[in-house]
Structure formats: structure tokens, C-alpha cells
Amino acid sequence: MEEKEFMENFIKLLKVNPLTAKKKKIILDDGSKEEVIFETSRQTILNEAGMPETIFVNKPRVLEDGSSTAGVTRCQTCQGIVRIQSLHRCPCGRTCCISRGCGKVWNGTWFCSLRCAILYGLRLLRRF
């Protein structure tokens, strides 16, 4: 019985803890401050059936100006996740996208809100 219990406990331990784990980070360092730009990780665990399963995780970072290190990003106006090609920059500096109800187009210029469009027309719009 001891050997059977030992094997059961060993299999439970393998299910909880990864068999292998690997992490890769791309860090931007300016000498005084470090920031993680992109992170990938890979783990091999035992799934419920007892088979090894490999999990890949990519964590791209969305930069402060609304752009991303991957092909998708979050729109600063509607907070939706969109492709970078779908983003436009308002003269105020915020990003807006082509999603319904998000960006406003006036004379070929994209705006994040009606307020920005009016202030731009009055030449009172400042960049944030």
C-alpha cells in the first residue's frame, strides 16, 4: 500500500507543479529604470488525463501612447481591443478606432470625441 500511495501523491504533485518552465523577457533599460516590454513563458504540466501538456503564454505590453509591441492594442477612447491598423490618432494625442461609436471623422481628420472636434475647429485644442 505504501508504494501505491507514494505514486498517487507523486502524480498529484506533478499535476500541480510544472515539469518544465521557461520564461523570456525583453527589457528596456535606460540606465536608471527597467521596463518589461514583452514576456513569453512556456510550461509543461500533466493534465487531468495524466498526459504532458505544454502551455505557451505571450504577454505583450501596451505602451502609454496606445501602441503595442504586438499586432493588437487597446483603444484609449472606447477601451476595445483592436488591431493597430484600425487605430487613428486624435490631434489631442489619444487614440480612437474604427469601431462603431468610437472615432469621429471631420474633414478627413479623426477625433476621439465631439468635444475635440469642436475645440480643433476653434483652434483651442491642446495636446495632452
N, C-alpha and C. Protein backbone atom coordinates (compact mmCIF):
# COMPACT_ATOMS: atom_id res chain seq x y z
N MET A 1 0.81 -1.20 0.00
CA MET A 1 0.00 0.00 0.00
C MET A 1 0.85 1.26 0.00
N GLU A 2 1.99 1.21 0.64
CA GLU A 2 2.82 2.40 0.72
C GLU A 2 3.29 2.84 -0.67
N GLU A 3 3.63 1.89 -1.49
CA GLU A 3 4.12 2.23 -2.83
C GLU A 3 3.01 2.85 -3.68
N LYS A 4 1.79 2.34 -3.55
CA LYS A 4 0.66 2.88 -4.30
C LYS A 4 0.34 4.31 -3.84
N GLU A 5 0.33 4.55 -2.54
CA GLU A 5 0.09 5.89 -2.01
C GLU A 5 1.19 6.86 -2.44
N PHE A 6 2.41 6.37 -2.43
CA PHE A 6 3.53 7.20 -2.86
C PHE A 6 3.36 7.61 -4.33
N MET A 7 2.98 6.69 -5.18
CA MET A 7 2.78 7.00 -6.60
C MET A 7 1.62 7.97 -6.80
N GLU A 8 0.53 7.81 -6.04
CA GLU A 8 -0.61 8.73 -6.14
C GLU A 8 -0.20 10.13 -5.72
N ASN A 9 0.52 10.24 -4.63
CA ASN A 9 0.98 11.55 -4.17
C ASN A 9 1.96 12.17 -5.16
N PHE A 10 2.80 11.34 -5.76
CA PHE A 10 3.76 11.84 -6.73
C PHE A 10 3.05 12.38 -7.97
N ILE A 11 2.01 11.68 -8.44
CA ILE A 11 1.25 12.13 -9.60
C ILE A 11 0.48 13.42 -9.26
N LYS A 12 -0.09 13.52 -8.06
CA LYS A 12 -0.76 14.75 -7.64
C LYS A 12 0.22 15.93 -7.62
N LEU A 13 1.41 15.68 -7.14
CA LEU A 13 2.43 16.73 -7.10
C LEU A 13 2.82 17.17 -8.50
N LEU A 14 2.92 16.23 -9.44
CA LEU A 14 3.26 16.58 -10.82
C LEU A 14 2.15 17.36 -11.50
N LYS A 15 0.89 17.12 -11.13
CA LYS A 15 -0.22 17.87 -11.72
C LYS A 15 -0.19 19.33 -11.29
N VAL A 16 0.20 19.57 -10.06
CA VAL A 16 0.19 20.93 -9.52
C VAL A 16 1.43 21.72 -9.97
N ASN A 17 2.58 21.09 -9.91
CA ASN A 17 3.83 21.77 -10.26
C ASN A 17 4.23 21.46 -11.69
N PRO A 18 4.73 22.45 -12.43
CA PRO A 18 5.13 22.20 -13.81
C PRO A 18 6.35 21.28 -13.88
N LEU A 19 6.37 20.45 -14.93
CA LEU A 19 7.52 19.60 -15.15
C LEU A 19 8.71 20.43 -15.63
N THR A 20 8.43 21.34 -16.57
CA THR A 20 9.45 22.28 -17.04
C THR A 20 8.81 23.66 -17.14
N ALA A 21 9.62 24.66 -16.96
CA ALA A 21 9.14 26.04 -17.08
C ALA A 21 10.25 26.89 -17.67
N LYS A 22 9.87 27.74 -18.61
CA LYS A 22 10.83 28.62 -19.25
C LYS A 22 10.18 29.98 -19.46
N LYS A 23 10.89 31.05 -19.14
CA LYS A 23 10.35 32.40 -19.27
C LYS A 23 11.38 33.26 -19.98
N LYS A 24 10.89 34.11 -20.89
CA LYS A 24 11.77 35.01 -21.64
C LYS A 24 11.18 36.40 -21.55
N LYS A 25 12.00 37.39 -21.21
CA LYS A 25 11.55 38.77 -21.10
C LYS A 25 12.43 39.66 -21.97
N ILE A 26 11.80 40.65 -22.59
CA ILE A 26 12.54 41.70 -23.29
C ILE A 26 12.39 42.95 -22.44
N ILE A 27 13.53 43.48 -21.97
CA ILE A 27 13.53 44.58 -21.03
C ILE A 27 14.18 45.80 -21.67
N LEU A 28 13.53 46.94 -21.52
CA LEU A 28 14.07 48.21 -21.97
C LEU A 28 14.74 48.87 -20.77
N ASP A 29 16.03 49.15 -20.89
CA ASP A 29 16.80 49.70 -19.78
C ASP A 29 17.47 50.99 -20.22
N ASP A 30 17.17 52.09 -19.52
CA ASP A 30 17.81 53.36 -19.86
C ASP A 30 18.88 53.75 -18.85
N GLY A 31 19.30 52.83 -18.02
CA GLY A 31 20.34 53.10 -17.04
C GLY A 31 19.81 53.35 -15.64
N SER A 32 18.66 53.99 -15.54
CA SER A 32 18.10 54.26 -14.22
C SER A 32 16.81 53.48 -13.96
N LYS A 33 16.13 53.07 -15.03
CA LYS A 33 14.84 52.39 -14.88
C LYS A 33 14.73 51.27 -15.90
N GLU A 34 14.21 50.12 -15.46
CA GLU A 34 13.99 48.98 -16.36
C GLU A 34 12.49 48.76 -16.52
N GLU A 35 12.06 48.47 -17.75
CA GLU A 35 10.66 48.15 -18.01
C GLU A 35 10.59 46.91 -18.88
N VAL A 36 9.68 46.00 -18.54
CA VAL A 36 9.46 44.80 -19.33
C VAL A 36 8.59 45.19 -20.53
N ILE A 37 9.11 44.96 -21.74
CA ILE A 37 8.39 45.30 -22.96
C ILE A 37 7.57 44.11 -23.45
N PHE A 38 8.13 42.91 -23.39
CA PHE A 38 7.45 41.72 -23.89
C PHE A 38 7.88 40.54 -23.04
N GLU A 39 6.94 39.65 -22.74
CA GLU A 39 7.25 38.49 -21.92
C GLU A 39 6.59 37.25 -22.50
N THR A 40 7.35 36.17 -22.60
CA THR A 40 6.80 34.89 -23.04
C THR A 40 7.16 33.84 -21.99
N SER A 41 6.26 32.88 -21.82
CA SER A 41 6.56 31.79 -20.90
C SER A 41 6.03 30.49 -21.49
N ARG A 42 6.66 29.40 -21.09
CA ARG A 42 6.27 28.07 -21.54
C ARG A 42 6.36 27.12 -20.36
N GLN A 43 5.31 26.36 -20.15
CA GLN A 43 5.27 25.39 -19.06
C GLN A 43 4.79 24.05 -19.60
N THR A 44 5.33 22.99 -19.05
CA THR A 44 4.84 21.66 -19.36
C THR A 44 4.31 21.07 -18.06
N ILE A 45 3.02 20.72 -18.05
CA ILE A 45 2.37 20.16 -16.87
C ILE A 45 1.68 18.86 -17.24
N LEU A 46 1.23 18.15 -16.26
CA LEU A 46 0.41 16.96 -16.51
C LEU A 46 -1.05 17.39 -16.44
N ASN A 47 -1.83 17.07 -17.48
CA ASN A 47 -3.25 17.42 -17.47
C ASN A 47 -4.03 16.36 -16.68
N GLU A 48 -5.34 16.50 -16.67
CA GLU A 48 -6.19 15.59 -15.89
C GLU A 48 -6.08 14.14 -16.35
N ALA A 49 -5.78 13.93 -17.63
CA ALA A 49 -5.66 12.57 -18.16
C ALA A 49 -4.29 11.97 -17.87
N GLY A 50 -3.38 12.75 -17.29
CA GLY A 50 -2.05 12.26 -16.97
C GLY A 50 -1.06 12.41 -18.11
N MET A 51 -1.46 13.14 -19.16
CA MET A 51 -0.59 13.36 -20.32
C MET A 51 0.13 14.70 -20.17
N PRO A 52 1.37 14.79 -20.62
CA PRO A 52 2.06 16.08 -20.56
C PRO A 52 1.40 17.09 -21.51
N GLU A 53 1.23 18.31 -21.04
CA GLU A 53 0.59 19.37 -21.81
C GLU A 53 1.48 20.61 -21.74
N THR A 54 1.75 21.20 -22.89
CA THR A 54 2.60 22.38 -22.95
C THR A 54 1.72 23.62 -23.13
N ILE A 55 1.96 24.63 -22.29
CA ILE A 55 1.20 25.88 -22.32
C ILE A 55 2.15 27.01 -22.69
N PHE A 56 1.81 27.75 -23.76
CA PHE A 56 2.58 28.92 -24.18
C PHE A 56 1.79 30.17 -23.83
N VAL A 57 2.44 31.17 -23.24
CA VAL A 57 1.79 32.43 -22.89
C VAL A 57 2.66 33.58 -23.41
N ASN A 58 2.05 34.47 -24.21
CA ASN A 58 2.71 35.69 -24.67
C ASN A 58 2.04 36.87 -24.00
N LYS A 59 2.83 37.75 -23.40
CA LYS A 59 2.29 38.93 -22.73
C LYS A 59 2.90 40.18 -23.35
N PRO A 60 2.31 40.66 -24.45
CA PRO A 60 2.82 41.93 -25.00
C PRO A 60 2.36 43.09 -24.14
N ARG A 61 3.10 44.15 -24.17
CA ARG A 61 2.78 45.32 -23.35
C ARG A 61 2.16 46.41 -24.21
N VAL A 62 1.13 47.06 -23.69
CA VAL A 62 0.54 48.22 -24.36
C VAL A 62 1.26 49.45 -23.80
N LEU A 63 1.85 50.24 -24.68
CA LEU A 63 2.61 51.40 -24.26
C LEU A 63 1.69 52.56 -23.90
N GLU A 64 2.24 53.58 -23.28
CA GLU A 64 1.44 54.69 -22.77
C GLU A 64 0.77 55.50 -23.88
N ASP A 65 1.31 55.47 -25.09
CA ASP A 65 0.69 56.24 -26.18
C ASP A 65 -0.39 55.44 -26.90
N GLY A 66 -0.70 54.24 -26.41
CA GLY A 66 -1.76 53.43 -27.00
C GLY A 66 -1.27 52.41 -28.00
N SER A 67 0.00 52.45 -28.38
CA SER A 67 0.54 51.46 -29.31
C SER A 67 0.96 50.22 -28.53
N SER A 68 1.29 49.17 -29.28
CA SER A 68 1.58 47.90 -28.65
C SER A 68 2.83 47.29 -29.26
N THR A 69 3.42 46.35 -28.55
CA THR A 69 4.56 45.62 -29.08
C THR A 69 4.11 44.39 -29.86
N ALA A 70 2.81 44.15 -29.91
CA ALA A 70 2.25 43.04 -30.69
C ALA A 70 1.34 43.64 -31.76
N GLY A 71 0.57 42.84 -32.44
CA GLY A 71 -0.29 43.32 -33.51
C GLY A 71 -1.61 43.90 -33.07
N VAL A 72 -1.95 43.76 -31.78
CA VAL A 72 -3.21 44.30 -31.27
C VAL A 72 -2.92 45.22 -30.10
N THR A 73 -3.86 46.11 -29.83
CA THR A 73 -3.71 47.04 -28.72
C THR A 73 -5.09 47.43 -28.20
N ARG A 74 -5.13 48.19 -27.15
CA ARG A 74 -6.38 48.67 -26.57
C ARG A 74 -6.60 50.12 -26.98
N CYS A 75 -7.78 50.41 -27.48
CA CYS A 75 -8.14 51.77 -27.88
C CYS A 75 -8.30 52.62 -26.62
N GLN A 76 -7.72 53.82 -26.62
CA GLN A 76 -7.79 54.67 -25.44
C GLN A 76 -9.16 55.33 -25.29
N THR A 77 -9.95 55.40 -26.35
CA THR A 77 -11.25 56.05 -26.28
C THR A 77 -12.34 55.08 -25.82
N CYS A 78 -12.50 53.94 -26.53
CA CYS A 78 -13.58 53.01 -26.20
C CYS A 78 -13.12 51.81 -25.37
N GLN A 79 -11.82 51.69 -25.12
CA GLN A 79 -11.21 50.60 -24.34
C GLN A 79 -11.37 49.23 -24.99
N GLY A 80 -11.68 49.20 -26.30
CA GLY A 80 -11.80 47.93 -27.01
C GLY A 80 -10.44 47.44 -27.49
N ILE A 81 -10.31 46.15 -27.70
CA ILE A 81 -9.08 45.57 -28.21
C ILE A 81 -9.19 45.52 -29.73
N VAL A 82 -8.29 46.23 -30.43
CA VAL A 82 -8.34 46.36 -31.88
C VAL A 82 -6.96 46.15 -32.47
N ARG A 83 -6.92 45.94 -33.79
CA ARG A 83 -5.64 45.84 -34.48
C ARG A 83 -5.01 47.23 -34.56
N ILE A 84 -3.71 47.29 -34.65
CA ILE A 84 -3.01 48.56 -34.72
C ILE A 84 -3.40 49.32 -35.99
N GLN A 85 -3.69 48.60 -37.08
CA GLN A 85 -4.08 49.24 -38.33
C GLN A 85 -5.43 49.94 -38.21
N SER A 86 -6.25 49.57 -37.23
CA SER A 86 -7.57 50.17 -37.06
C SER A 86 -7.54 51.42 -36.19
N LEU A 87 -6.38 51.77 -35.65
CA LEU A 87 -6.28 52.93 -34.78
C LEU A 87 -5.95 54.19 -35.56
N HIS A 88 -6.48 55.30 -35.07
CA HIS A 88 -6.15 56.63 -35.59
C HIS A 88 -5.84 57.51 -34.40
N ARG A 89 -5.02 58.51 -34.62
CA ARG A 89 -4.63 59.40 -33.53
C ARG A 89 -5.38 60.72 -33.64
N CYS A 90 -6.05 61.10 -32.57
CA CYS A 90 -6.74 62.39 -32.47
C CYS A 90 -5.69 63.49 -32.31
N PRO A 91 -5.93 64.70 -32.77
CA PRO A 91 -4.96 65.78 -32.56
C PRO A 91 -4.65 66.04 -31.08
N CYS A 92 -5.53 65.59 -30.16
CA CYS A 92 -5.25 65.76 -28.72
C CYS A 92 -4.24 64.74 -28.22
N GLY A 93 -3.97 63.69 -28.98
CA GLY A 93 -2.98 62.69 -28.59
C GLY A 93 -3.55 61.32 -28.26
N ARG A 94 -4.84 61.24 -27.98
CA ARG A 94 -5.46 59.95 -27.67
C ARG A 94 -5.71 59.17 -28.94
N THR A 95 -5.81 57.84 -28.79
CA THR A 95 -6.12 57.01 -29.94
C THR A 95 -7.62 56.76 -29.99
N CYS A 96 -8.14 56.63 -31.20
CA CYS A 96 -9.53 56.23 -31.41
C CYS A 96 -9.52 55.20 -32.53
N CYS A 97 -10.54 54.38 -32.60
CA CYS A 97 -10.55 53.29 -33.57
C CYS A 97 -11.76 53.41 -34.49
N ILE A 98 -11.86 52.47 -35.41
CA ILE A 98 -12.94 52.49 -36.39
C ILE A 98 -14.19 51.77 -35.91
N SER A 99 -14.21 51.36 -34.63
CA SER A 99 -15.39 50.69 -34.08
C SER A 99 -16.58 51.65 -34.07
N ARG A 100 -17.76 51.09 -34.16
CA ARG A 100 -18.98 51.90 -34.20
C ARG A 100 -19.09 52.74 -32.92
N GLY A 101 -19.26 54.04 -33.11
CA GLY A 101 -19.44 54.95 -31.99
C GLY A 101 -18.16 55.42 -31.33
N CYS A 102 -17.01 55.05 -31.84
CA CYS A 102 -15.76 55.43 -31.19
C CYS A 102 -15.18 56.69 -31.82
N GLY A 103 -14.58 56.59 -32.97
CA GLY A 103 -13.91 57.72 -33.61
C GLY A 103 -14.87 58.57 -34.43
N LYS A 104 -14.61 59.86 -34.48
CA LYS A 104 -15.39 60.79 -35.29
C LYS A 104 -14.48 61.35 -36.38
N VAL A 105 -14.96 61.41 -37.62
CA VAL A 105 -14.17 61.94 -38.73
C VAL A 105 -14.79 63.26 -39.17
N TRP A 106 -13.95 64.27 -39.27
CA TRP A 106 -14.41 65.58 -39.71
C TRP A 106 -13.35 66.16 -40.64
N ASN A 107 -13.72 66.40 -41.90
CA ASN A 107 -12.80 66.90 -42.93
C ASN A 107 -11.55 66.03 -43.06
N GLY A 108 -11.71 64.74 -42.95
CA GLY A 108 -10.60 63.81 -43.13
C GLY A 108 -9.72 63.64 -41.90
N THR A 109 -10.03 64.29 -40.80
CA THR A 109 -9.25 64.17 -39.56
C THR A 109 -10.06 63.38 -38.54
N TRP A 110 -9.39 62.45 -37.86
CA TRP A 110 -10.04 61.60 -36.86
C TRP A 110 -9.99 62.29 -35.51
N PHE A 111 -11.10 62.22 -34.76
CA PHE A 111 -11.20 62.80 -33.43
C PHE A 111 -11.74 61.75 -32.47
N CYS A 112 -11.31 61.82 -31.21
CA CYS A 112 -11.78 60.85 -30.21
C CYS A 112 -13.14 61.24 -29.64
N SER A 113 -13.54 62.50 -29.77
CA SER A 113 -14.84 62.94 -29.24
C SER A 113 -15.32 64.16 -30.00
N LEU A 114 -16.57 64.47 -29.83
CA LEU A 114 -17.14 65.67 -30.44
C LEU A 114 -16.52 66.93 -29.84
N ARG A 115 -16.18 66.87 -28.56
CA ARG A 115 -15.54 67.99 -27.88
C ARG A 115 -14.21 68.34 -28.54
N CYS A 116 -13.41 67.32 -28.85
CA CYS A 116 -12.12 67.55 -29.51
C CYS A 116 -12.33 68.15 -30.91
N ALA A 117 -13.36 67.68 -31.62
CA ALA A 117 -13.62 68.21 -32.96
C ALA A 117 -14.00 69.69 -32.90
N ILE A 118 -14.82 70.08 -31.91
CA ILE A 118 -15.22 71.48 -31.78
C ILE A 118 -14.03 72.34 -31.37
N LEU A 119 -13.24 71.89 -30.40
CA LEU A 119 -12.07 72.65 -29.97
C LEU A 119 -11.04 72.78 -31.09
N TYR A 120 -10.91 71.73 -31.91
CA TYR A 120 -9.99 71.78 -33.04
C TYR A 120 -10.47 72.82 -34.06
N GLY A 121 -11.77 72.86 -34.31
CA GLY A 121 -12.33 73.84 -35.25
C GLY A 121 -12.16 75.26 -34.76
N LEU A 122 -12.18 75.47 -33.45
CA LEU A 122 -11.97 76.80 -32.86
C LEU A 122 -10.49 77.11 -32.61
N ARG A 123 -9.63 76.15 -32.97
CA ARG A 123 -8.17 76.25 -32.77
C ARG A 123 -7.79 76.41 -31.29
N LEU A 124 -8.54 75.74 -30.42
CA LEU A 124 -8.28 75.78 -28.98
C LEU A 124 -7.82 74.43 -28.43
N LEU A 125 -7.69 73.43 -29.30
CA LEU A 125 -7.33 72.08 -28.84
C LEU A 125 -5.85 72.01 -28.52
N ARG A 126 -5.55 71.53 -27.34
CA ARG A 126 -4.18 71.33 -26.88
C ARG A 126 -3.90 69.83 -26.80
N ARG A 127 -2.68 69.47 -27.03
CA ARG A 127 -2.26 68.08 -26.92
C ARG A 127 -2.02 67.73 -25.45
N PHE A 128 -2.58 66.59 -24.99
CA PHE A 128 -2.46 66.20 -23.58
C PHE A 128 -1.08 65.78 -23.23
